[in-house]
C-alpha atoms as a PDB file:
ATOM      1  CA  MET A   1      74.427 144.413 100.357  1.00  0.00           C
ATOM      2  CA  GLU A   2      77.918 145.371 101.632  1.00  0.00           C
ATOM      3  CA  ALA A   3      76.303 146.973 104.811  1.00  0.00           C
ATOM      4  CA  ILE A   4      74.610 143.641 105.561  1.00  0.00           C
ATOM      5  CA  PHE A   5      77.936 141.828 105.318  1.00  0.00           C
ATOM      6  CA  TRP A   6      79.542 144.318 107.645  1.00  0.00           C
ATOM      7  CA  ILE A   7      76.727 143.867 110.144  1.00  0.00           C
ATOM      8  CA  PHE A   8      77.422 140.128 110.276  1.00  0.00           C
ATOM      9  CA  ILE A   9      81.192 140.773 110.709  1.00  0.00           C
ATOM     10  CA  ILE A  10      80.608 143.331 113.498  1.00  0.00           C
ATOM     11  CA  LEU A  11      78.007 141.117 115.109  1.00  0.00           C
ATOM     12  CA  SER A  12      80.479 138.225 115.283  1.00  0.00           C
ATOM     13  CA  PHE A  13      82.951 140.549 117.042  1.00  0.00           C
ATOM     14  CA  ALA A  14      80.297 141.762 119.485  1.00  0.00           C
ATOM     15  CA  ILE A  15      79.344 138.173 120.358  1.00  0.00           C
ATOM     16  CA  ALA A  16      83.070 137.557 121.062  1.00  0.00           C
ATOM     17  CA  PHE A  17      82.969 140.287 123.738  1.00  0.00           C
ATOM     18  CA  ILE A  18      79.724 138.930 125.162  1.00  0.00           C
ATOM     19  CA  GLY A  19      81.680 135.692 125.609  1.00  0.00           C
ATOM     20  CA  LEU A  20      83.909 137.479 128.174  1.00  0.00           C
ATOM     21  CA  ILE A  21      80.849 137.586 130.413  1.00  0.00           C
ATOM     22  CA  TYR A  22      79.312 134.307 129.400  1.00  0.00           C
ATOM     23  CA  PRO A  23      82.309 131.950 129.053  1.00  0.00           C
ATOM     24  CA  ILE A  24      80.208 129.208 127.499  1.00  0.00           C
ATOM     25  CA  ILE A  25      80.400 131.342 124.288  1.00  0.00           C
ATOM     26  CA  PRO A  26      83.761 130.648 122.584  1.00  0.00           C
ATOM     27  CA  SER A  27      84.915 134.239 122.062  1.00  0.00           C
ATOM     28  CA  VAL A  28      87.925 133.474 119.933  1.00  0.00           C
ATOM     29  CA  LEU A  29      85.893 131.451 117.473  1.00  0.00           C
ATOM     30  CA  PHE A  30      83.578 134.361 116.900  1.00  0.00           C
ATOM     31  CA  ILE A  31      86.589 136.715 116.236  1.00  0.00           C
ATOM     32  CA  LEU A  32      87.899 134.189 113.748  1.00  0.00           C
ATOM     33  CA  LEU A  33      84.424 133.880 112.283  1.00  0.00           C
ATOM     34  CA  GLY A  34      84.448 137.657 111.659  1.00  0.00           C
ATOM     35  CA  PHE A  35      87.804 137.275 109.770  1.00  0.00           C
ATOM     36  CA  ILE A  36      86.447 134.410 107.734  1.00  0.00           C
ATOM     37  CA  LEU A  37      83.171 136.185 106.937  1.00  0.00           C
ATOM     38  CA  TYR A  38      85.187 139.138 105.704  1.00  0.00           C
ATOM     39  CA  GLY A  39      87.139 136.824 103.445  1.00  0.00           C
ATOM     40  CA  LEU A  40      84.088 135.099 102.082  1.00  0.00           C
ATOM     41  CA  PHE A  41      82.117 138.372 101.594  1.00  0.00           C
ATOM     42  CA  PHE A  42      84.952 140.463 100.265  1.00  0.00           C
ATOM     43  CA  THR A  43      88.416 138.909  99.869  1.00  0.00           C
ATOM     44  CA  PHE A  44      91.029 136.888 101.752  1.00  0.00           C
ATOM     45  CA  SER A  45      93.811 138.663  99.902  1.00  0.00           C
ATOM     46  CA  ASP A  46      93.889 141.506 102.485  1.00  0.00           C
ATOM     47  CA  PHE A  47      95.142 138.980 104.999  1.00  0.00           C
ATOM     48  CA  THR A  48      98.870 138.299 104.652  1.00  0.00           C
ATOM     49  CA  TRP A  49     100.744 135.363 106.192  1.00  0.00           C
ATOM     50  CA  PHE A  50     101.933 137.892 108.838  1.00  0.00           C
ATOM     51  CA  PHE A  51      98.333 138.780 109.700  1.00  0.00           C
ATOM     52  CA  TRP A  52      97.454 135.129 110.235  1.00  0.00           C
ATOM     53  CA  THR A  53     100.588 134.392 112.191  1.00  0.00           C
ATOM     54  CA  VAL A  54      99.972 137.240 114.583  1.00  0.00           C
ATOM     55  CA  GLN A  55      96.308 136.253 114.947  1.00  0.00           C
ATOM     56  CA  ILE A  56      97.101 132.623 115.669  1.00  0.00           C
ATOM     57  CA  LEU A  57      99.691 133.681 118.292  1.00  0.00           C
ATOM     58  CA  PHE A  58      96.923 135.825 119.939  1.00  0.00           C
ATOM     59  CA  VAL A  59      94.542 132.875 119.855  1.00  0.00           C
ATOM     60  CA  ILE A  60      97.120 130.739 121.659  1.00  0.00           C
ATOM     61  CA  LEU A  61      97.669 133.647 124.098  1.00  0.00           C
ATOM     62  CA  LEU A  62      93.925 133.834 124.762  1.00  0.00           C
ATOM     63  CA  PHE A  63      93.685 130.213 125.719  1.00  0.00           C
ATOM     64  CA  GLY A  64      96.788 130.486 127.865  1.00  0.00           C
ATOM     65  CA  ALA A  65      95.579 133.730 129.636  1.00  0.00           C
ATOM     66  CA  ASP A  66      92.275 132.165 130.552  1.00  0.00           C
ATOM     67  CA  TYR A  67      93.907 129.066 132.171  1.00  0.00           C
ATOM     68  CA  ALA A  68      96.791 130.960 133.764  1.00  0.00           C
ATOM     69  CA  ALA A  69      94.653 133.668 135.354  1.00  0.00           C
ATOM     70  CA  ASN A  70      92.260 131.149 137.003  1.00  0.00           C
ATOM     71  CA  LEU A  71      95.193 128.893 138.152  1.00  0.00           C
ATOM     72  CA  PHE A  72      97.097 131.840 139.554  1.00  0.00           C
ATOM     73  CA  GLY A  73      94.055 133.226 141.334  1.00  0.00           C
ATOM     74  CA  VAL A  74      93.161 129.998 143.061  1.00  0.00           C
ATOM     75  CA  LYS A  75      96.763 128.791 143.771  1.00  0.00           C
ATOM     76  CA  ARG A  76      97.903 132.189 145.058  1.00  0.00           C
ATOM     77  CA  PHE A  77      95.346 132.027 147.804  1.00  0.00           C
ATOM     78  CA  GLY A  78      96.136 128.421 148.705  1.00  0.00           C
ATOM     79  CA  GLY A  79      93.615 126.560 146.588  1.00  0.00           C
ATOM     80  CA  SER A  80      93.863 123.090 145.130  1.00  0.00           C
ATOM     81  CA  LYS A  81      92.680 121.364 142.009  1.00  0.00           C
ATOM     82  CA  ALA A  82      89.238 121.086 143.682  1.00  0.00           C
ATOM     83  CA  GLY A  83      89.122 124.854 143.972  1.00  0.00           C
ATOM     84  CA  ILE A  84      90.114 125.275 140.316  1.00  0.00           C
ATOM     85  CA  TRP A  85      87.528 122.764 139.118  1.00  0.00           C
ATOM     86  CA  GLY A  86      84.851 124.300 141.376  1.00  0.00           C
ATOM     87  CA  SER A  87      85.726 127.732 140.106  1.00  0.00           C
ATOM     88  CA  THR A  88      85.502 126.597 136.494  1.00  0.00           C
ATOM     89  CA  ILE A  89      82.171 124.844 136.998  1.00  0.00           C
ATOM     90  CA  GLY A  90      80.818 127.931 138.910  1.00  0.00           C
ATOM     91  CA  LEU A  91      81.996 130.162 136.151  1.00  0.00           C
ATOM     92  CA  LEU A  92      80.110 128.181 133.549  1.00  0.00           C
ATOM     93  CA  ILE A  93      76.836 127.722 135.389  1.00  0.00           C
ATOM     94  CA  GLY A  94      76.740 130.911 137.591  1.00  0.00           C
ATOM     95  CA  PRO A  95      75.577 133.273 134.843  1.00  0.00           C
ATOM     96  CA  PHE A  96      72.668 130.963 133.967  1.00  0.00           C
ATOM     97  CA  ILE A  97      71.492 130.453 137.514  1.00  0.00           C
ATOM     98  CA  ILE A  98      71.797 134.093 138.555  1.00  0.00           C
ATOM     99  CA  PRO A  99      71.968 136.297 135.456  1.00  0.00           C
ATOM    100  CA  VAL A 100      74.537 139.120 135.398  1.00  0.00           C
ATOM    101  CA  ILE A 101      75.845 138.789 138.954  1.00  0.00           C
ATOM    102  CA  GLY A 102      76.232 135.052 138.630  1.00  0.00           C
ATOM    103  CA  ILE A 103      79.344 135.654 136.588  1.00  0.00           C
ATOM    104  CA  LEU A 104      80.962 137.000 139.801  1.00  0.00           C
ATOM    105  CA  ILE A 105      79.336 134.738 142.343  1.00  0.00           C
ATOM    106  CA  GLY A 106      79.729 131.530 140.274  1.00  0.00           C
ATOM    107  CA  PRO A 107      83.509 131.149 140.336  1.00  0.00           C
ATOM    108  CA  LEU A 108      83.739 132.383 143.969  1.00  0.00           C
ATOM    109  CA  ALA A 109      81.014 129.954 145.174  1.00  0.00           C
ATOM    110  CA  GLY A 110      82.364 127.128 142.995  1.00  0.00           C
ATOM    111  CA  ALA A 111      85.857 127.407 144.410  1.00  0.00           C
ATOM    112  CA  VAL A 112      84.487 127.610 148.006  1.00  0.00           C
ATOM    113  CA  ILE A 113      82.194 124.537 147.491  1.00  0.00           C
ATOM    114  CA  GLY A 114      85.026 122.580 145.742  1.00  0.00           C
ATOM    115  CA  GLU A 115      87.450 123.230 148.611  1.00  0.00           C
ATOM    116  CA  LEU A 116      84.887 122.502 151.320  1.00  0.00           C
ATOM    117  CA  LEU A 117      83.542 119.294 149.752  1.00  0.00           C
ATOM    118  CA  VAL A 118      86.767 117.683 148.476  1.00  0.00           C
ATOM    119  CA  ASN A 119      89.481 118.935 150.826  1.00  0.00           C
ATOM    120  CA  LYS A 120      87.393 119.714 153.930  1.00  0.00           C
ATOM    121  CA  THR A 121      89.115 123.118 153.951  1.00  0.00           C
ATOM    122  CA  PRO A 122      87.984 125.368 156.812  1.00  0.00           C
ATOM    123  CA  PHE A 123      85.302 127.809 155.678  1.00  0.00           C
ATOM    124  CA  LYS A 124      87.428 130.964 156.141  1.00  0.00           C
ATOM    125  CA  GLN A 125      90.247 129.548 154.124  1.00  0.00           C
ATOM    126  CA  ALA A 126      87.858 128.300 151.375  1.00  0.00           C
ATOM    127  CA  LEU A 127      86.333 131.822 151.215  1.00  0.00           C
ATOM    128  CA  LYS A 128      89.794 133.244 150.760  1.00  0.00           C
ATOM    129  CA  ILE A 129      90.429 130.726 147.888  1.00  0.00           C
ATOM    130  CA  GLY A 130      87.082 131.683 146.368  1.00  0.00           C
ATOM    131  CA  PHE A 131      88.096 135.341 146.505  1.00  0.00           C
ATOM    132  CA  GLY A 132      91.321 134.415 144.713  1.00  0.00           C
ATOM    133  CA  SER A 133      89.321 132.683 142.077  1.00  0.00           C
ATOM    134  CA  LEU A 134      87.217 135.827 141.565  1.00  0.00           C
ATOM    135  CA  ILE A 135      90.389 137.881 141.193  1.00  0.00           C
ATOM    136  CA  GLY A 136      91.735 135.391 138.625  1.00  0.00           C
ATOM    137  CA  PHE A 137      88.516 135.614 136.687  1.00  0.00           C
ATOM    138  CA  ILE A 138      88.395 139.423 136.622  1.00  0.00           C
ATOM    139  CA  THR A 139      92.081 139.438 135.595  1.00  0.00           C
ATOM    140  CA  SER A 140      91.260 136.940 132.829  1.00  0.00           C
ATOM    141  CA  VAL A 141      88.366 139.049 131.510  1.00  0.00           C
ATOM    142  CA  ILE A 142      90.502 142.182 131.378  1.00  0.00           C
ATOM    143  CA  THR A 143      93.403 140.406 129.733  1.00  0.00           C
ATOM    144  CA  LYS A 144      91.219 138.525 127.200  1.00  0.00           C
ATOM    145  CA  GLY A 145      89.206 141.701 126.406  1.00  0.00           C
ATOM    146  CA  THR A 146      92.439 143.589 125.711  1.00  0.00           C
ATOM    147  CA  ILE A 147      93.824 140.771 123.457  1.00  0.00           C
ATOM    148  CA  GLN A 148      90.481 140.543 121.601  1.00  0.00           C
ATOM    149  CA  ALA A 149      90.421 144.312 121.037  1.00  0.00           C
ATOM    150  CA  ILE A 150      94.031 144.193 119.663  1.00  0.00           C
ATOM    151  CA  MET A 151      93.045 141.346 117.325  1.00  0.00           C
ATOM    152  CA  ILE A 152      90.152 143.360 115.975  1.00  0.00           C
ATOM    153  CA  ILE A 153      92.192 146.543 115.642  1.00  0.00           C
ATOM    154  CA  ILE A 154      94.796 144.631 113.643  1.00  0.00           C
ATOM    155  CA  PHE A 155      91.944 143.276 111.454  1.00  0.00           C
ATOM    156  CA  PHE A 156      90.764 146.806 110.720  1.00  0.00           C
ATOM    157  CA  LEU A 157      94.275 147.950 109.983  1.00  0.00           C
ATOM    158  CA  TYR A 158      94.474 145.263 107.288  1.00  0.00           C
ATOM    159  CA  VAL A 159      91.065 145.818 105.718  1.00  0.00           C
END
């Protein structure tokens, strides 16, 4: 029975990493679910106040990293709120319209379309902003993946 419990815990962590590619999946909630499942299946006593404090700080950092990377990528290349919104919308629907590669094309196309439609930005500049959005997204995925891995490593150090 213990092996089945661990399968559920590991599965929740795996889904969290899938959420890096499909941002509609709330990655951090699946990491927290893994912690809670461990507590329910085994014990919460392994988790000290320090463990929870560190994990909550990482959760806050995850939310901040996601927003900051996208904002930086679009703003750095001259984008506006329209580019940020377009990038975000493209990021959410891109993977569903074009599986796998849509995760890269979505934010780029969304930022370009947002800038073209709302601000009437010249195409070349809008494309540059879209590229910035893509850089921001890739930076965000790397940063969030690293933070999630650290959270899980800390979990295994405590259990």
